[in-house]
Amino acid sequence: MSTDIAPTSQVHTTATHYTVSALPLEHREAGHFSLTVEWRGDGRWAVCRGRMCLDADGVADFESQPSSRADAWLAAHRFDLDTALALAVREAPGLTCNGYTVADVLRTTPEEN
């Protein structure tokens, strides 16, 4: 990147994505047992696992294209940041992958992971 070009506008920085996992984030399996809290605009956040979004009860539902999302679906799957983070923290310990739980992974992988 060239440093001799002056910026033409102000630069803005904001967090738009959080990762929540019951495994240490450095653990080799953490990605399989993590949720993300992602900004969706207008002060609303989604709790995601891949292409699925959780509702307030922790039930995951496929997130369709924006033009296909009904108002009722959005109301059930969008939260303020504090609520979204609390939901992700509540649900992360219960995640499973290929029949394995967080406890199974912690019990069967070496400590250095």
PDB file of N, CA and C in Angstrom:
ATOM      1  N   MET A   1       0.839  -1.170   0.000  1.00  0.00           N
ATOM      2  CA  MET A   1       0.000   0.000   0.000  1.00  0.00           C
ATOM      3  C   MET A   1       0.887   1.238   0.000  1.00  0.00           C
ATOM      4  N   SER A   2       0.614   2.123  -0.878  1.00  0.00           N
ATOM      5  CA  SER A   2       1.393   3.349  -0.984  1.00  0.00           C
ATOM      6  C   SER A   2       1.034   4.297   0.143  1.00  0.00           C
ATOM      7  N   THR A   3       2.048   4.921   0.725  1.00  0.00           N
ATOM      8  CA  THR A   3       1.796   5.871   1.815  1.00  0.00           C
ATOM      9  C   THR A   3       1.826   7.311   1.340  1.00  0.00           C
ATOM     10  N   ASP A   4       2.082   7.526   0.048  1.00  0.00           N
ATOM     11  CA  ASP A   4       2.166   8.900  -0.442  1.00  0.00           C
ATOM     12  C   ASP A   4       0.836   9.420  -1.001  1.00  0.00           C
ATOM     13  N   ILE A   5      -0.232   8.636  -0.855  1.00  0.00           N
ATOM     14  CA  ILE A   5      -1.553   9.076  -1.299  1.00  0.00           C
ATOM     15  C   ILE A   5      -2.365   9.457  -0.069  1.00  0.00           C
ATOM     16  N   ALA A   6      -2.822  10.666  -0.040  1.00  0.00           N
ATOM     17  CA  ALA A   6      -3.610  11.137   1.102  1.00  0.00           C
ATOM     18  C   ALA A   6      -5.017  10.552   1.041  1.00  0.00           C
ATOM     19  N   PRO A   7      -5.545  10.097   2.191  1.00  0.00           N
ATOM     20  CA  PRO A   7      -6.918   9.575   2.197  1.00  0.00           C
ATOM     21  C   PRO A   7      -7.905  10.678   1.845  1.00  0.00           C
ATOM     22  N   THR A   8      -8.944  10.309   1.138  1.00  0.00           N
ATOM     23  CA  THR A   8      -9.939  11.294   0.716  1.00  0.00           C
ATOM     24  C   THR A   8     -11.135  11.348   1.648  1.00  0.00           C
ATOM     25  N   SER A   9     -11.221  10.396   2.561  1.00  0.00           N
ATOM     26  CA  SER A   9     -12.334  10.405   3.511  1.00  0.00           C
ATOM     27  C   SER A   9     -11.873   9.862   4.845  1.00  0.00           C
ATOM     28  N   GLN A  10     -12.688  10.054   5.831  1.00  0.00           N
ATOM     29  CA  GLN A  10     -12.391   9.577   7.174  1.00  0.00           C
ATOM     30  C   GLN A  10     -12.499   8.058   7.209  1.00  0.00           C
ATOM     31  N   VAL A  11     -11.693   7.407   8.017  1.00  0.00           N
ATOM     32  CA  VAL A  11     -11.705   5.957   8.155  1.00  0.00           C
ATOM     33  C   VAL A  11     -12.485   5.591   9.411  1.00  0.00           C
ATOM     34  N   HIS A  12     -13.335   4.586   9.295  1.00  0.00           N
ATOM     35  CA  HIS A  12     -14.152   4.131  10.424  1.00  0.00           C
ATOM     36  C   HIS A  12     -13.853   2.670  10.706  1.00  0.00           C
ATOM     37  N   THR A  13     -13.830   2.312  11.973  1.00  0.00           N
ATOM     38  CA  THR A  13     -13.586   0.940  12.381  1.00  0.00           C
ATOM     39  C   THR A  13     -14.666   0.516  13.357  1.00  0.00           C
ATOM     40  N   THR A  14     -15.183  -0.694  13.160  1.00  0.00           N
ATOM     41  CA  THR A  14     -16.188  -1.220  14.078  1.00  0.00           C
ATOM     42  C   THR A  14     -16.124  -2.741  14.083  1.00  0.00           C
ATOM     43  N   ALA A  15     -16.443  -3.336  15.209  1.00  0.00           N
ATOM     44  CA  ALA A  15     -16.519  -4.793  15.299  1.00  0.00           C
ATOM     45  C   ALA A  15     -17.851  -5.239  14.716  1.00  0.00           C
ATOM     46  N   THR A  16     -17.814  -6.219  13.831  1.00  0.00           N
ATOM     47  CA  THR A  16     -19.033  -6.712  13.204  1.00  0.00           C
ATOM     48  C   THR A  16     -19.218  -8.208  13.386  1.00  0.00           C
ATOM     49  N   HIS A  17     -18.309  -8.837  14.134  1.00  0.00           N
ATOM     50  CA  HIS A  17     -18.313 -10.293  14.224  1.00  0.00           C
ATOM     51  C   HIS A  17     -17.633 -10.709  15.532  1.00  0.00           C
ATOM     52  N   TYR A  18     -18.298 -11.528  16.312  1.00  0.00           N
ATOM     53  CA  TYR A  18     -17.716 -12.095  17.528  1.00  0.00           C
ATOM     54  C   TYR A  18     -17.780 -13.613  17.411  1.00  0.00           C
ATOM     55  N   THR A  19     -16.789 -14.293  17.961  1.00  0.00           N
ATOM     56  CA  THR A  19     -16.790 -15.749  18.008  1.00  0.00           C
ATOM     57  C   THR A  19     -16.978 -16.176  19.449  1.00  0.00           C
ATOM     58  N   VAL A  20     -17.896 -17.122  19.668  1.00  0.00           N
ATOM     59  CA  VAL A  20     -18.202 -17.626  21.005  1.00  0.00           C
ATOM     60  C   VAL A  20     -18.044 -19.139  20.962  1.00  0.00           C
ATOM     61  N   SER A  21     -17.200 -19.672  21.842  1.00  0.00           N
ATOM     62  CA  SER A  21     -16.943 -21.108  21.857  1.00  0.00           C
ATOM     63  C   SER A  21     -16.727 -21.584  23.281  1.00  0.00           C
ATOM     64  N   ALA A  22     -17.171 -22.803  23.562  1.00  0.00           N
ATOM     65  CA  ALA A  22     -16.893 -23.422  24.858  1.00  0.00           C
ATOM     66  C   ALA A  22     -15.521 -24.093  24.857  1.00  0.00           C
ATOM     67  N   LEU A  23     -14.860 -24.117  23.708  1.00  0.00           N
ATOM     68  CA  LEU A  23     -13.482 -24.581  23.613  1.00  0.00           C
ATOM     69  C   LEU A  23     -12.575 -23.370  23.517  1.00  0.00           C
ATOM     70  N   PRO A  24     -11.332 -23.498  23.960  1.00  0.00           N
ATOM     71  CA  PRO A  24     -10.398 -22.394  23.729  1.00  0.00           C
ATOM     72  C   PRO A  24     -10.321 -22.117  22.226  1.00  0.00           C
ATOM     73  N   LEU A  25     -10.294 -20.858  21.845  1.00  0.00           N
ATOM     74  CA  LEU A  25     -10.304 -20.531  20.424  1.00  0.00           C
ATOM     75  C   LEU A  25      -9.076 -21.058  19.688  1.00  0.00           C
ATOM     76  N   GLU A  26      -7.997 -21.364  20.398  1.00  0.00           N
ATOM     77  CA  GLU A  26      -6.795 -21.931  19.784  1.00  0.00           C
ATOM     78  C   GLU A  26      -6.920 -23.441  19.585  1.00  0.00           C
ATOM     79  N   HIS A  27      -7.934 -24.069  20.173  1.00  0.00           N
ATOM     80  CA  HIS A  27      -8.115 -25.519  20.063  1.00  0.00           C
ATOM     81  C   HIS A  27      -8.384 -25.879  18.606  1.00  0.00           C
ATOM     82  N   ARG A  28      -7.807 -26.954  18.148  1.00  0.00           N
ATOM     83  CA  ARG A  28      -7.942 -27.326  16.733  1.00  0.00           C
ATOM     84  C   ARG A  28      -9.379 -27.627  16.321  1.00  0.00           C
ATOM     85  N   GLU A  29     -10.255 -27.930  17.264  1.00  0.00           N
ATOM     86  CA  GLU A  29     -11.660 -28.223  16.954  1.00  0.00           C
ATOM     87  C   GLU A  29     -12.598 -27.051  17.254  1.00  0.00           C
ATOM     88  N   ALA A  30     -12.063 -25.933  17.684  1.00  0.00           N
ATOM     89  CA  ALA A  30     -12.918 -24.809  18.103  1.00  0.00           C
ATOM     90  C   ALA A  30     -13.877 -24.353  17.016  1.00  0.00           C
ATOM     91  N   GLY A  31     -13.448 -24.349  15.789  1.00  0.00           N
ATOM     92  CA  GLY A  31     -14.316 -23.903  14.704  1.00  0.00           C
ATOM     93  C   GLY A  31     -15.572 -24.734  14.549  1.00  0.00           C
ATOM     94  N   HIS A  32     -15.491 -26.000  14.916  1.00  0.00           N
ATOM     95  CA  HIS A  32     -16.653 -26.890  14.811  1.00  0.00           C
ATOM     96  C   HIS A  32     -17.613 -26.718  15.984  1.00  0.00           C
ATOM     97  N   PHE A  33     -17.148 -26.085  17.039  1.00  0.00           N
ATOM     98  CA  PHE A  33     -17.943 -25.940  18.260  1.00  0.00           C
ATOM     99  C   PHE A  33     -18.083 -24.473  18.637  1.00  0.00           C
ATOM    100  N   SER A  34     -18.236 -23.629  17.642  1.00  0.00           N
ATOM    101  CA  SER A  34     -18.332 -22.190  17.867  1.00  0.00           C
ATOM    102  C   SER A  34     -19.597 -21.625  17.223  1.00  0.00           C
ATOM    103  N   LEU A  35     -20.064 -20.559  17.816  1.00  0.00           N
ATOM    104  CA  LEU A  35     -21.128 -19.744  17.240  1.00  0.00           C
ATOM    105  C   LEU A  35     -20.527 -18.388  16.923  1.00  0.00           C
ATOM    106  N   THR A  36     -21.106 -17.695  15.979  1.00  0.00           N
ATOM    107  CA  THR A  36     -20.692 -16.325  15.719  1.00  0.00           C
ATOM    108  C   THR A  36     -21.875 -15.402  15.973  1.00  0.00           C
ATOM    109  N   VAL A  37     -21.555 -14.239  16.465  1.00  0.00           N
ATOM    110  CA  VAL A  37     -22.541 -13.180  16.626  1.00  0.00           C
ATOM    111  C   VAL A  37     -22.160 -12.143  15.584  1.00  0.00           C
ATOM    112  N   GLU A  38     -23.065 -11.923  14.635  1.00  0.00           N
ATOM    113  CA  GLU A  38     -22.744 -11.117  13.462  1.00  0.00           C
ATOM    114  C   GLU A  38     -23.697  -9.934  13.307  1.00  0.00           C
ATOM    115  N   TRP A  39     -23.122  -8.788  13.049  1.00  0.00           N
ATOM    116  CA  TRP A  39     -23.892  -7.570  12.828  1.00  0.00           C
ATOM    117  C   TRP A  39     -24.687  -7.703  11.546  1.00  0.00           C
ATOM    118  N   ARG A  40     -25.954  -7.341  11.615  1.00  0.00           N
ATOM    119  CA  ARG A  40     -26.817  -7.406  10.443  1.00  0.00           C
ATOM    120  C   ARG A  40     -27.405  -6.036  10.095  1.00  0.00           C
ATOM    121  N   GLY A  41     -26.858  -4.988  10.686  1.00  0.00           N
ATOM    122  CA  GLY A  41     -27.301  -3.636  10.380  1.00  0.00           C
ATOM    123  C   GLY A  41     -28.407  -3.156  11.297  1.00  0.00           C
ATOM    124  N   ASP A  42     -28.563  -1.852  11.341  1.00  0.00           N
ATOM    125  CA  ASP A  42     -29.631  -1.217  12.107  1.00  0.00           C
ATOM    126  C   ASP A  42     -29.625  -1.631  13.578  1.00  0.00           C
ATOM    127  N   GLY A  43     -28.426  -1.846  14.138  1.00  0.00           N
ATOM    128  CA  GLY A  43     -28.317  -2.205  15.545  1.00  0.00           C
ATOM    129  C   GLY A  43     -28.746  -3.620  15.873  1.00  0.00           C
ATOM    130  N   ARG A  44     -28.916  -4.469  14.875  1.00  0.00           N
ATOM    131  CA  ARG A  44     -29.391  -5.841  15.088  1.00  0.00           C
ATOM    132  C   ARG A  44     -28.275  -6.829  14.806  1.00  0.00           C
ATOM    133  N   TRP A  45     -28.286  -7.908  15.578  1.00  0.00           N
ATOM    134  CA  TRP A  45     -27.262  -8.939  15.499  1.00  0.00           C
ATOM    135  C   TRP A  45     -27.904 -10.310  15.355  1.00  0.00           C
ATOM    136  N   ALA A  46     -27.209 -11.227  14.689  1.00  0.00           N
ATOM    137  CA  ALA A  46     -27.663 -12.604  14.522  1.00  0.00           C
ATOM    138  C   ALA A  46     -26.672 -13.526  15.227  1.00  0.00           C
ATOM    139  N   VAL A  47     -27.190 -14.609  15.799  1.00  0.00           N
ATOM    140  CA  VAL A  47     -26.354 -15.662  16.374  1.00  0.00           C
ATOM    141  C   VAL A  47     -26.338 -16.786  15.349  1.00  0.00           C
ATOM    142  N   CYS A  48     -25.152 -17.076  14.811  1.00  0.00           N
ATOM    143  CA  CYS A  48     -25.048 -17.966  13.654  1.00  0.00           C
ATOM    144  C   CYS A  48     -24.182 -19.181  13.918  1.00  0.00           C
ATOM    145  N   ARG A  49     -24.526 -20.224  13.196  1.00  0.00           N
ATOM    146  CA  ARG A  49     -23.681 -21.404  13.064  1.00  0.00           C
ATOM    147  C   ARG A  49     -23.716 -21.760  11.594  1.00  0.00           C
ATOM    148  N   GLY A  50     -22.710 -21.314  10.901  1.00  0.00           N
ATOM    149  CA  GLY A  50     -22.711 -21.468   9.446  1.00  0.00           C
ATOM    150  C   GLY A  50     -23.816 -20.621   8.842  1.00  0.00           C
ATOM    151  N   ARG A  51     -24.661 -21.232   8.021  1.00  0.00           N
ATOM    152  CA  ARG A  51     -25.773 -20.517   7.370  1.00  0.00           C
ATOM    153  C   ARG A  51     -27.055 -20.552   8.200  1.00  0.00           C
ATOM    154  N   MET A  52     -26.960 -21.055   9.421  1.00  0.00           N
ATOM    155  CA  MET A  52     -28.120 -21.142  10.303  1.00  0.00           C
ATOM    156  C   MET A  52     -28.078 -19.997  11.311  1.00  0.00           C
ATOM    157  N   CYS A  53     -29.264 -19.507  11.694  1.00  0.00           N
ATOM    158  CA  CYS A  53     -29.388 -18.486  12.731  1.00  0.00           C
ATOM    159  C   CYS A  53     -30.235 -19.040  13.862  1.00  0.00           C
ATOM    160  N   LEU A  54     -29.860 -18.731  15.092  1.00  0.00           N
ATOM    161  CA  LEU A  54     -30.615 -19.182  16.248  1.00  0.00           C
ATOM    162  C   LEU A  54     -31.710 -18.184  16.592  1.00  0.00           C
ATOM    163  N   ASP A  55     -32.825 -18.723  17.111  1.00  0.00           N
ATOM    164  CA  ASP A  55     -33.851 -17.855  17.669  1.00  0.00           C
ATOM    165  C   ASP A  55     -33.616 -17.770  19.179  1.00  0.00           C
ATOM    166  N   ALA A  56     -34.466 -17.084  19.895  1.00  0.00           N
ATOM    167  CA  ALA A  56     -34.265 -16.864  21.332  1.00  0.00           C
ATOM    168  C   ALA A  56     -34.262 -18.159  22.139  1.00  0.00           C
ATOM    169  N   ASP A  57     -34.877 -19.223  21.604  1.00  0.00           N
ATOM    170  CA  ASP A  57     -34.892 -20.515  22.283  1.00  0.00           C
ATOM    171  C   ASP A  57     -33.686 -21.375  21.919  1.00  0.00           C
ATOM    172  N   GLY A  58     -32.816 -20.873  21.042  1.00  0.00           N
ATOM    173  CA  GLY A  58     -31.640 -21.628  20.628  1.00  0.00           C
ATOM    174  C   GLY A  58     -31.901 -22.570  19.463  1.00  0.00           C
ATOM    175  N   VAL A  59     -33.067 -22.457  18.840  1.00  0.00           N
ATOM    176  CA  VAL A  59     -33.403 -23.307  17.695  1.00  0.00           C
ATOM    177  C   VAL A  59     -32.831 -22.666  16.436  1.00  0.00           C
ATOM    178  N   ALA A  60     -32.065 -23.465  15.677  1.00  0.00           N
ATOM    179  CA  ALA A  60     -31.422 -22.960  14.466  1.00  0.00           C
ATOM    180  C   ALA A  60     -32.352 -23.098  13.271  1.00  0.00           C
ATOM    181  N   ASP A  61     -32.298 -22.099  12.401  1.00  0.00           N
ATOM    182  CA  ASP A  61     -33.102 -22.086  11.184  1.00  0.00           C
ATOM    183  C   ASP A  61     -32.247 -21.506  10.066  1.00  0.00           C
ATOM    184  N   PHE A  62     -32.397 -22.046   8.874  1.00  0.00           N
ATOM    185  CA  PHE A  62     -31.642 -21.590   7.716  1.00  0.00           C
ATOM    186  C   PHE A  62     -31.922 -20.113   7.453  1.00  0.00           C
ATOM    187  N   GLU A  63     -30.856 -19.350   7.222  1.00  0.00           N
ATOM    188  CA  GLU A  63     -30.996 -17.938   6.885  1.00  0.00           C
ATOM    189  C   GLU A  63     -31.070 -17.798   5.368  1.00  0.00           C
ATOM    190  N   SER A  64     -32.244 -17.487   4.879  1.00  0.00           N
ATOM    191  CA  SER A  64     -32.453 -17.363   3.442  1.00  0.00           C
ATOM    192  C   SER A  64     -31.896 -16.044   2.917  1.00  0.00           C
ATOM    193  N   GLN A  65     -32.021 -15.830   1.640  1.00  0.00           N
ATOM    194  CA  GLN A  65     -31.604 -14.576   1.021  1.00  0.00           C
ATOM    195  C   GLN A  65     -32.382 -13.417   1.647  1.00  0.00           C
ATOM    196  N   PRO A  66     -31.761 -12.242   1.765  1.00  0.00           N
ATOM    197  CA  PRO A  66     -32.443 -11.107   2.397  1.00  0.00           C
ATOM    198  C   PRO A  66     -33.826 -10.804   1.826  1.00  0.00           C
ATOM    199  N   SER A  67     -33.999 -10.940   0.542  1.00  0.00           N
ATOM    200  CA  SER A  67     -35.299 -10.629  -0.066  1.00  0.00           C
ATOM    201  C   SER A  67     -36.373 -11.651   0.290  1.00  0.00           C
ATOM    202  N   SER A  68     -35.979 -12.802   0.835  1.00  0.00           N
ATOM    203  CA  SER A  68     -36.932 -13.856   1.178  1.00  0.00           C
ATOM    204  C   SER A  68     -37.255 -13.914   2.666  1.00  0.00           C
ATOM    205  N   ARG A  69     -36.661 -13.055   3.456  1.00  0.00           N
ATOM    206  CA  ARG A  69     -36.869 -13.104   4.904  1.00  0.00           C
ATOM    207  C   ARG A  69     -38.107 -12.308   5.305  1.00  0.00           C
ATOM    208  N   ALA A  70     -39.049 -12.987   5.919  1.00  0.00           N
ATOM    209  CA  ALA A  70     -40.277 -12.344   6.389  1.00  0.00           C
ATOM    210  C   ALA A  70     -39.987 -11.549   7.659  1.00  0.00           C
ATOM    211  N   ASP A  71     -40.800 -10.548   7.921  1.00  0.00           N
ATOM    212  CA  ASP A  71     -40.645  -9.724   9.125  1.00  0.00           C
ATOM    213  C   ASP A  71     -40.694 -10.568  10.391  1.00  0.00           C
ATOM    214  N   ALA A  72     -41.571 -11.573  10.422  1.00  0.00           N
ATOM    215  CA  ALA A  72     -41.680 -12.434  11.610  1.00  0.00           C
ATOM    216  C   ALA A  72     -40.386 -13.225  11.826  1.00  0.00           C
ATOM    217  N   TRP A  73     -39.778 -13.700  10.721  1.00  0.00           N
ATOM    218  CA  TRP A  73     -38.521 -14.436  10.850  1.00  0.00           C
ATOM    219  C   TRP A  73     -37.434 -13.509  11.384  1.00  0.00           C
ATOM    220  N   LEU A  74     -37.351 -12.313  10.842  1.00  0.00           N
ATOM    221  CA  LEU A  74     -36.350 -11.349  11.309  1.00  0.00           C
ATOM    222  C   LEU A  74     -36.547 -11.015  12.782  1.00  0.00           C
ATOM    223  N   ALA A  75     -37.782 -10.821  13.200  1.00  0.00           N
ATOM    224  CA  ALA A  75     -38.062 -10.494  14.600  1.00  0.00           C
ATOM    225  C   ALA A  75     -37.617 -11.624  15.528  1.00  0.00           C
ATOM    226  N   ALA A  76     -37.712 -12.861  15.066  1.00  0.00           N
ATOM    227  CA  ALA A  76     -37.339 -14.014  15.890  1.00  0.00           C
ATOM    228  C   ALA A  76     -35.846 -14.300  15.893  1.00  0.00           C
ATOM    229  N   HIS A  77     -35.106 -13.788  14.898  1.00  0.00           N
ATOM    230  CA  HIS A  77     -33.697 -14.155  14.722  1.00  0.00           C
ATOM    231  C   HIS A  77     -32.730 -12.979  14.766  1.00  0.00           C
ATOM    232  N   ARG A  78     -33.183 -11.834  15.207  1.00  0.00           N
ATOM    233  CA  ARG A  78     -32.327 -10.657  15.333  1.00  0.00           C
ATOM    234  C   ARG A  78     -32.455 -10.097  16.745  1.00  0.00           C
ATOM    235  N   PHE A  79     -31.323  -9.643  17.284  1.00  0.00           N
ATOM    236  CA  PHE A  79     -31.260  -9.225  18.678  1.00  0.00           C
ATOM    237  C   PHE A  79     -30.375  -7.996  18.820  1.00  0.00           C
ATOM    238  N   ASP A  80     -30.483  -7.333  19.964  1.00  0.00           N
ATOM    239  CA  ASP A  80     -29.473  -6.332  20.285  1.00  0.00           C
ATOM    240  C   ASP A  80     -28.206  -7.097  20.657  1.00  0.00           C
ATOM    241  N   LEU A  81     -27.070  -6.422  20.690  1.00  0.00           N
ATOM    242  CA  LEU A  81     -25.789  -7.103  20.889  1.00  0.00           C
ATOM    243  C   LEU A  81     -25.726  -7.856  22.211  1.00  0.00           C
ATOM    244  N   ASP A  82     -26.150  -7.243  23.302  1.00  0.00           N
ATOM    245  CA  ASP A  82     -26.072  -7.918  24.606  1.00  0.00           C
ATOM    246  C   ASP A  82     -26.894  -9.205  24.619  1.00  0.00           C
ATOM    247  N   THR A  83     -28.079  -9.166  24.042  1.00  0.00           N
ATOM    248  CA  THR A  83     -28.938 -10.356  23.998  1.00  0.00           C
ATOM    249  C   THR A  83     -28.317 -11.423  23.116  1.00  0.00           C
ATOM    250  N   ALA A  84     -27.774 -11.035  21.973  1.00  0.00           N
ATOM    251  CA  ALA A  84     -27.154 -11.999  21.066  1.00  0.00           C
ATOM    252  C   ALA A  84     -25.945 -12.672  21.714  1.00  0.00           C
ATOM    253  N   LEU A  85     -25.105 -11.894  22.371  1.00  0.00           N
ATOM    254  CA  LEU A  85     -23.940 -12.487  23.046  1.00  0.00           C
ATOM    255  C   LEU A  85     -24.364 -13.418  24.172  1.00  0.00           C
ATOM    256  N   ALA A  86     -25.376 -13.036  24.937  1.00  0.00           N
ATOM    257  CA  ALA A  86     -25.864 -13.891  26.026  1.00  0.00           C
ATOM    258  C   ALA A  86     -26.431 -15.195  25.475  1.00  0.00           C
ATOM    259  N   LEU A  87     -27.162 -15.122  24.373  1.00  0.00           N
ATOM    260  CA  LEU A  87     -27.709 -16.321  23.741  1.00  0.00           C
ATOM    261  C   LEU A  87     -26.578 -17.230  23.274  1.00  0.00           C
ATOM    262  N   ALA A  88     -25.572 -16.685  22.636  1.00  0.00           N
ATOM    263  CA  ALA A  88     -24.444 -17.484  22.156  1.00  0.00           C
ATOM    264  C   ALA A  88     -23.691 -18.137  23.315  1.00  0.00           C
ATOM    265  N   VAL A  89     -23.472 -17.397  24.375  1.00  0.00           N
ATOM    266  CA  VAL A  89     -22.786 -17.946  25.555  1.00  0.00           C
ATOM    267  C   VAL A  89     -23.614 -19.074  26.169  1.00  0.00           C
ATOM    268  N   ARG A  90     -24.919 -18.903  26.202  1.00  0.00           N
ATOM    269  CA  ARG A  90     -25.816 -19.940  26.760  1.00  0.00           C
ATOM    270  C   ARG A  90     -25.789 -21.209  25.912  1.00  0.00           C
ATOM    271  N   GLU A  91     -25.771 -21.063  24.594  1.00  0.00           N
ATOM    272  CA  GLU A  91     -25.893 -22.205  23.693  1.00  0.00           C
ATOM    273  C   GLU A  91     -24.570 -22.897  23.366  1.00  0.00           C
ATOM    274  N   ALA A  92     -23.457 -22.189  23.427  1.00  0.00           N
ATOM    275  CA  ALA A  92     -22.165 -22.750  22.998  1.00  0.00           C
ATOM    276  C   ALA A  92     -21.788 -24.054  23.712  1.00  0.00           C
ATOM    277  N   PRO A  93     -21.971 -24.177  25.020  1.00  0.00           N
ATOM    278  CA  PRO A  93     -21.568 -25.433  25.672  1.00  0.00           C
ATOM    279  C   PRO A  93     -22.349 -26.662  25.207  1.00  0.00           C
ATOM    280  N   GLY A  94     -23.516 -26.481  24.619  1.00  0.00           N
ATOM    281  CA  GLY A  94     -24.331 -27.605  24.181  1.00  0.00           C
ATOM    282  C   GLY A  94     -24.156 -27.983  22.722  1.00  0.00           C
ATOM    283  N   LEU A  95     -23.243 -27.334  22.013  1.00  0.00           N
ATOM    284  CA  LEU A  95     -23.046 -27.653  20.600  1.00  0.00           C
ATOM    285  C   LEU A  95     -22.481 -29.057  20.431  1.00  0.00           C
ATOM    286  N   THR A  96     -22.893 -29.696  19.349  1.00  0.00           N
ATOM    287  CA  THR A  96     -22.352 -30.998  18.979  1.00  0.00           C
ATOM    288  C   THR A  96     -21.885 -30.939  17.530  1.00  0.00           C
ATOM    289  N   CYS A  97     -20.985 -31.844  17.199  1.00  0.00           N
ATOM    290  CA  CYS A  97     -20.491 -31.980  15.826  1.00  0.00           C
ATOM    291  C   CYS A  97     -20.209 -33.455  15.579  1.00  0.00           C
ATOM    292  N   ASN A  98     -20.872 -34.029  14.597  1.00  0.00           N
ATOM    293  CA  ASN A  98     -20.695 -35.450  14.265  1.00  0.00           C
ATOM    294  C   ASN A  98     -20.896 -36.349  15.478  1.00  0.00           C
ATOM    295  N   GLY A  99     -21.842 -35.988  16.324  1.00  0.00           N
ATOM    296  CA  GLY A  99     -22.160 -36.788  17.500  1.00  0.00           C
ATOM    297  C   GLY A  99     -21.279 -36.518  18.707  1.00  0.00           C
ATOM    298  N   TYR A 100     -20.291 -35.660  18.574  1.00  0.00           N
ATOM    299  CA  TYR A 100     -19.394 -35.338  19.673  1.00  0.00           C
ATOM    300  C   TYR A 100     -19.839 -34.052  20.365  1.00  0.00           C
ATOM    301  N   THR A 101     -19.710 -34.023  21.668  1.00  0.00           N
ATOM    302  CA  THR A 101     -20.010 -32.834  22.452  1.00  0.00           C
ATOM    303  C   THR A 101     -18.717 -32.109  22.789  1.00  0.00           C
ATOM    304  N   VAL A 102     -18.853 -30.926  23.326  1.00  0.00           N
ATOM    305  CA  VAL A 102     -17.684 -30.175  23.797  1.00  0.00           C
ATOM    306  C   VAL A 102     -16.936 -31.003  24.833  1.00  0.00           C
ATOM    307  N   ALA A 103     -17.662 -31.619  25.750  1.00  0.00           N
ATOM    308  CA  ALA A 103     -17.027 -32.445  26.786  1.00  0.00           C
ATOM    309  C   ALA A 103     -16.252 -33.604  26.172  1.00  0.00           C
ATOM    310  N   ASP A 104     -16.821 -34.243  25.138  1.00  0.00           N
ATOM    311  CA  ASP A 104     -16.114 -35.340  24.467  1.00  0.00           C
ATOM    312  C   ASP A 104     -14.783 -34.851  23.889  1.00  0.00           C
ATOM    313  N   VAL A 105     -14.817 -33.718  23.230  1.00  0.00           N
ATOM    314  CA  VAL A 105     -13.610 -33.177  22.593  1.00  0.00           C
ATOM    315  C   VAL A 105     -12.568 -32.839  23.653  1.00  0.00           C
ATOM    316  N   LEU A 106     -12.981 -32.201  24.722  1.00  0.00           N
ATOM    317  CA  LEU A 106     -12.025 -31.843  25.773  1.00  0.00           C
ATOM    318  C   LEU A 106     -11.436 -33.082  26.440  1.00  0.00           C
ATOM    319  N   ARG A 107     -12.207 -34.141  26.539  1.00  0.00           N
ATOM    320  CA  ARG A 107     -11.755 -35.377  27.179  1.00  0.00           C
ATOM    321  C   ARG A 107     -10.815 -36.164  26.285  1.00  0.00           C
ATOM    322  N   THR A 108     -10.940 -36.036  24.949  1.00  0.00           N
ATOM    323  CA  THR A 108     -10.190 -36.914  24.059  1.00  0.00           C
ATOM    324  C   THR A 108      -9.060 -36.256  23.303  1.00  0.00           C
ATOM    325  N   THR A 109      -8.858 -34.950  23.463  1.00  0.00           N
ATOM    326  CA  THR A 109      -7.755 -34.306  22.753  1.00  0.00           C
ATOM    327  C   THR A 109      -6.663 -33.920  23.728  1.00  0.00           C
ATOM    328  N   PRO A 110      -5.424 -33.941  23.261  1.00  0.00           N
ATOM    329  CA  PRO A 110      -4.307 -33.591  24.137  1.00  0.00           C
ATOM    330  C   PRO A 110      -4.439 -32.155  24.652  1.00  0.00           C
ATOM    331  N   GLU A 111      -3.876 -31.918  25.825  1.00  0.00           N
ATOM    332  CA  GLU A 111      -3.951 -30.598  26.465  1.00  0.00           C
ATOM    333  C   GLU A 111      -3.291 -29.482  25.666  1.00  0.00           C
ATOM    334  N   GLU A 112      -2.282 -29.800  24.867  1.00  0.00           N
ATOM    335  CA  GLU A 112      -1.608 -28.724  24.133  1.00  0.00           C
ATOM    336  C   GLU A 112      -2.492 -28.119  23.055  1.00  0.00           C
ATOM    337  N   ASN A 113      -3.640 -28.715  22.749  1.00  0.00           N
ATOM    338  CA  ASN A 113      -4.564 -28.151  21.770  1.00  0.00           C
ATOM    339  C   ASN A 113      -5.429 -27.199  22.482  1.00  0.00           C
TER     340      ASN A 113
END
